[in-house]
Amino acid sequence: MVRQRKPSEQTLVVLQALLSRPGDWRYGYDLIRDTGLKSGTLYPVLMRLADQGMLESEWQPPARQGAPARHAYRLTHQGTAAARASIAAAASNDCRLAAT
């Protein structure tokens, strides 16, 4: 039997940020700015969400010549539904979420 864990507060903050623009591709720096999380916290959360099928990710070409390609993330349809459910469950349990 697989045990379902409650998402961490940091995961909930990332999900809130992604839900603010659910269909948009978001870059790590953009999410760092929106969530206030450090990269060492954010990127493991993003990798875990992608491994769970909640996010899709892709390398996007540079916006201008000479700039590096960037990794972008967005919620899948399943991820959007799961994110809304997780945030609703956390809110009903009086879990403190960072204001977005």
C-alpha atoms as a PDB file:
ATOM      1  CA  MET A   1       0.000   0.000   0.000  1.00  0.00           C
ATOM      2  CA  VAL A   2       1.422   3.372  -1.049  1.00  0.00           C
ATOM      3  CA  ARG A   3       1.113   6.102   1.553  1.00  0.00           C
ATOM      4  CA  GLN A   4       0.089   9.516   0.257  1.00  0.00           C
ATOM      5  CA  ARG A   5       1.996  12.295   2.009  1.00  0.00           C
ATOM      6  CA  LYS A   6       0.673  15.768   2.595  1.00  0.00           C
ATOM      7  CA  PRO A   7       2.533  18.344   0.503  1.00  0.00           C
ATOM      8  CA  SER A   8       5.054  20.479   2.356  1.00  0.00           C
ATOM      9  CA  GLU A   9       4.399  24.158   2.934  1.00  0.00           C
ATOM     10  CA  GLN A  10       7.048  24.943   0.299  1.00  0.00           C
ATOM     11  CA  THR A  11       5.308  22.687  -2.215  1.00  0.00           C
ATOM     12  CA  LEU A  12       1.999  24.407  -1.513  1.00  0.00           C
ATOM     13  CA  VAL A  13       3.604  27.807  -2.078  1.00  0.00           C
ATOM     14  CA  VAL A  14       5.000  26.629  -5.446  1.00  0.00           C
ATOM     15  CA  LEU A  15       1.623  25.185  -6.427  1.00  0.00           C
ATOM     16  CA  GLN A  16      -0.082  28.475  -5.544  1.00  0.00           C
ATOM     17  CA  ALA A  17       2.369  30.374  -7.741  1.00  0.00           C
ATOM     18  CA  LEU A  18       1.857  27.964 -10.635  1.00  0.00           C
ATOM     19  CA  LEU A  19      -1.934  28.159 -10.235  1.00  0.00           C
ATOM     20  CA  SER A  20      -1.818  31.934 -10.572  1.00  0.00           C
ATOM     21  CA  ARG A  21      -1.085  31.308 -14.285  1.00  0.00           C
ATOM     22  CA  PRO A  22      -1.801  27.578 -14.790  1.00  0.00           C
ATOM     23  CA  GLY A  23      -1.383  27.382 -18.551  1.00  0.00           C
ATOM     24  CA  ASP A  24       1.763  29.507 -18.745  1.00  0.00           C
ATOM     25  CA  TRP A  25       5.315  28.234 -18.954  1.00  0.00           C
ATOM     26  CA  ARG A  26       7.203  29.521 -15.896  1.00  0.00           C
ATOM     27  CA  TYR A  27      10.947  29.774 -15.380  1.00  0.00           C
ATOM     28  CA  GLY A  28      12.701  28.988 -12.123  1.00  0.00           C
ATOM     29  CA  TYR A  29      13.808  32.585 -11.622  1.00  0.00           C
ATOM     30  CA  ASP A  30      10.224  33.757 -12.110  1.00  0.00           C
ATOM     31  CA  LEU A  31       9.027  31.269  -9.486  1.00  0.00           C
ATOM     32  CA  ILE A  32      11.829  32.226  -7.081  1.00  0.00           C
ATOM     33  CA  ARG A  33      10.731  35.841  -7.346  1.00  0.00           C
ATOM     34  CA  ASP A  34       7.032  34.952  -6.846  1.00  0.00           C
ATOM     35  CA  THR A  35       7.508  32.513  -3.970  1.00  0.00           C
ATOM     36  CA  GLY A  36      10.509  33.903  -2.119  1.00  0.00           C
ATOM     37  CA  LEU A  37      11.985  30.395  -1.999  1.00  0.00           C
ATOM     38  CA  LYS A  38      15.678  29.820  -2.540  1.00  0.00           C
ATOM     39  CA  SER A  39      16.798  27.800  -5.561  1.00  0.00           C
ATOM     40  CA  GLY A  40      17.954  24.917  -3.327  1.00  0.00           C
ATOM     41  CA  THR A  41      14.368  24.574  -2.121  1.00  0.00           C
ATOM     42  CA  LEU A  42      12.508  25.391  -5.331  1.00  0.00           C
ATOM     43  CA  TYR A  43      14.224  23.087  -7.815  1.00  0.00           C
ATOM     44  CA  PRO A  44      13.824  19.878  -5.774  1.00  0.00           C
ATOM     45  CA  VAL A  45      10.110  20.711  -5.390  1.00  0.00           C
ATOM     46  CA  LEU A  46       9.804  21.246  -9.156  1.00  0.00           C
ATOM     47  CA  MET A  47      11.621  17.964  -9.884  1.00  0.00           C
ATOM     48  CA  ARG A  48       9.394  16.073  -7.445  1.00  0.00           C
ATOM     49  CA  LEU A  49       6.228  17.559  -8.979  1.00  0.00           C
ATOM     50  CA  ALA A  50       7.460  16.662 -12.473  1.00  0.00           C
ATOM     51  CA  ASP A  51       8.245  13.093 -11.362  1.00  0.00           C
ATOM     52  CA  GLN A  52       4.695  12.828 -10.000  1.00  0.00           C
ATOM     53  CA  GLY A  53       3.236  13.924 -13.361  1.00  0.00           C
ATOM     54  CA  MET A  54       1.945  17.224 -12.001  1.00  0.00           C
ATOM     55  CA  LEU A  55       4.306  19.361 -14.099  1.00  0.00           C
ATOM     56  CA  GLU A  56       5.611  19.200 -17.584  1.00  0.00           C
ATOM     57  CA  SER A  57       8.987  20.716 -18.271  1.00  0.00           C
ATOM     58  CA  GLU A  58      10.964  21.629 -21.351  1.00  0.00           C
ATOM     59  CA  TRP A  59      14.087  23.436 -22.386  1.00  0.00           C
ATOM     60  CA  GLN A  60      13.163  26.605 -24.239  1.00  0.00           C
ATOM     61  CA  PRO A  61      15.456  28.345 -26.702  1.00  0.00           C
ATOM     62  CA  PRO A  62      17.194  31.545 -25.644  1.00  0.00           C
ATOM     63  CA  ALA A  63      15.165  34.747 -25.856  1.00  0.00           C
ATOM     64  CA  ARG A  64      18.124  36.538 -27.410  1.00  0.00           C
ATOM     65  CA  GLN A  65      21.307  35.485 -29.138  1.00  0.00           C
ATOM     66  CA  GLY A  66      24.057  34.535 -26.712  1.00  0.00           C
ATOM     67  CA  ALA A  67      21.707  33.871 -23.802  1.00  0.00           C
ATOM     68  CA  PRO A  68      21.410  30.314 -22.459  1.00  0.00           C
ATOM     69  CA  ALA A  69      18.408  28.087 -23.020  1.00  0.00           C
ATOM     70  CA  ARG A  70      16.037  28.040 -20.056  1.00  0.00           C
ATOM     71  CA  HIS A  71      14.124  25.251 -18.362  1.00  0.00           C
ATOM     72  CA  ALA A  72      10.411  26.056 -18.136  1.00  0.00           C
ATOM     73  CA  TYR A  73       7.622  24.408 -16.164  1.00  0.00           C
ATOM     74  CA  ARG A  74       3.827  24.363 -16.241  1.00  0.00           C
ATOM     75  CA  LEU A  75       1.076  22.383 -14.593  1.00  0.00           C
ATOM     76  CA  THR A  76      -0.447  19.435 -16.420  1.00  0.00           C
ATOM     77  CA  HIS A  77      -4.235  19.051 -16.379  1.00  0.00           C
ATOM     78  CA  GLN A  78      -3.827  16.421 -13.656  1.00  0.00           C
ATOM     79  CA  GLY A  79      -1.434  18.750 -11.819  1.00  0.00           C
ATOM     80  CA  THR A  80      -3.863  21.657 -11.921  1.00  0.00           C
ATOM     81  CA  ALA A  81      -6.621  19.538 -10.374  1.00  0.00           C
ATOM     82  CA  ALA A  82      -4.261  18.051  -7.770  1.00  0.00           C
ATOM     83  CA  ALA A  83      -2.836  21.491  -6.910  1.00  0.00           C
ATOM     84  CA  ARG A  84      -6.304  22.938  -6.336  1.00  0.00           C
ATOM     85  CA  ALA A  85      -7.258  19.956  -4.179  1.00  0.00           C
ATOM     86  CA  SER A  86      -4.033  20.151  -2.136  1.00  0.00           C
ATOM     87  CA  ILE A  87      -4.415  23.867  -1.508  1.00  0.00           C
ATOM     88  CA  ALA A  88      -8.078  23.467  -0.561  1.00  0.00           C
ATOM     89  CA  ALA A  89      -7.224  20.637   1.838  1.00  0.00           C
ATOM     90  CA  ALA A  90      -4.401  22.665   3.384  1.00  0.00           C
ATOM     91  CA  ALA A  91      -6.666  25.701   3.772  1.00  0.00           C
ATOM     92  CA  SER A  92      -9.307  23.604   5.500  1.00  0.00           C
ATOM     93  CA  ASN A  93      -6.603  22.341   7.885  1.00  0.00           C
ATOM     94  CA  ASP A  94      -5.534  25.939   8.665  1.00  0.00           C
ATOM     95  CA  CYS A  95      -2.160  25.456   7.005  1.00  0.00           C
ATOM     96  CA  ARG A  96      -0.388  28.798   6.650  1.00  0.00           C
ATOM     97  CA  LEU A  97       0.350  29.652   3.017  1.00  0.00           C
ATOM     98  CA  ALA A  98       2.476  32.525   1.832  1.00  0.00           C
ATOM     99  CA  ALA A  99       0.453  35.338   0.323  1.00  0.00           C
ATOM    100  CA  THR A 100       0.743  35.574  -3.444  1.00  0.00           C
END
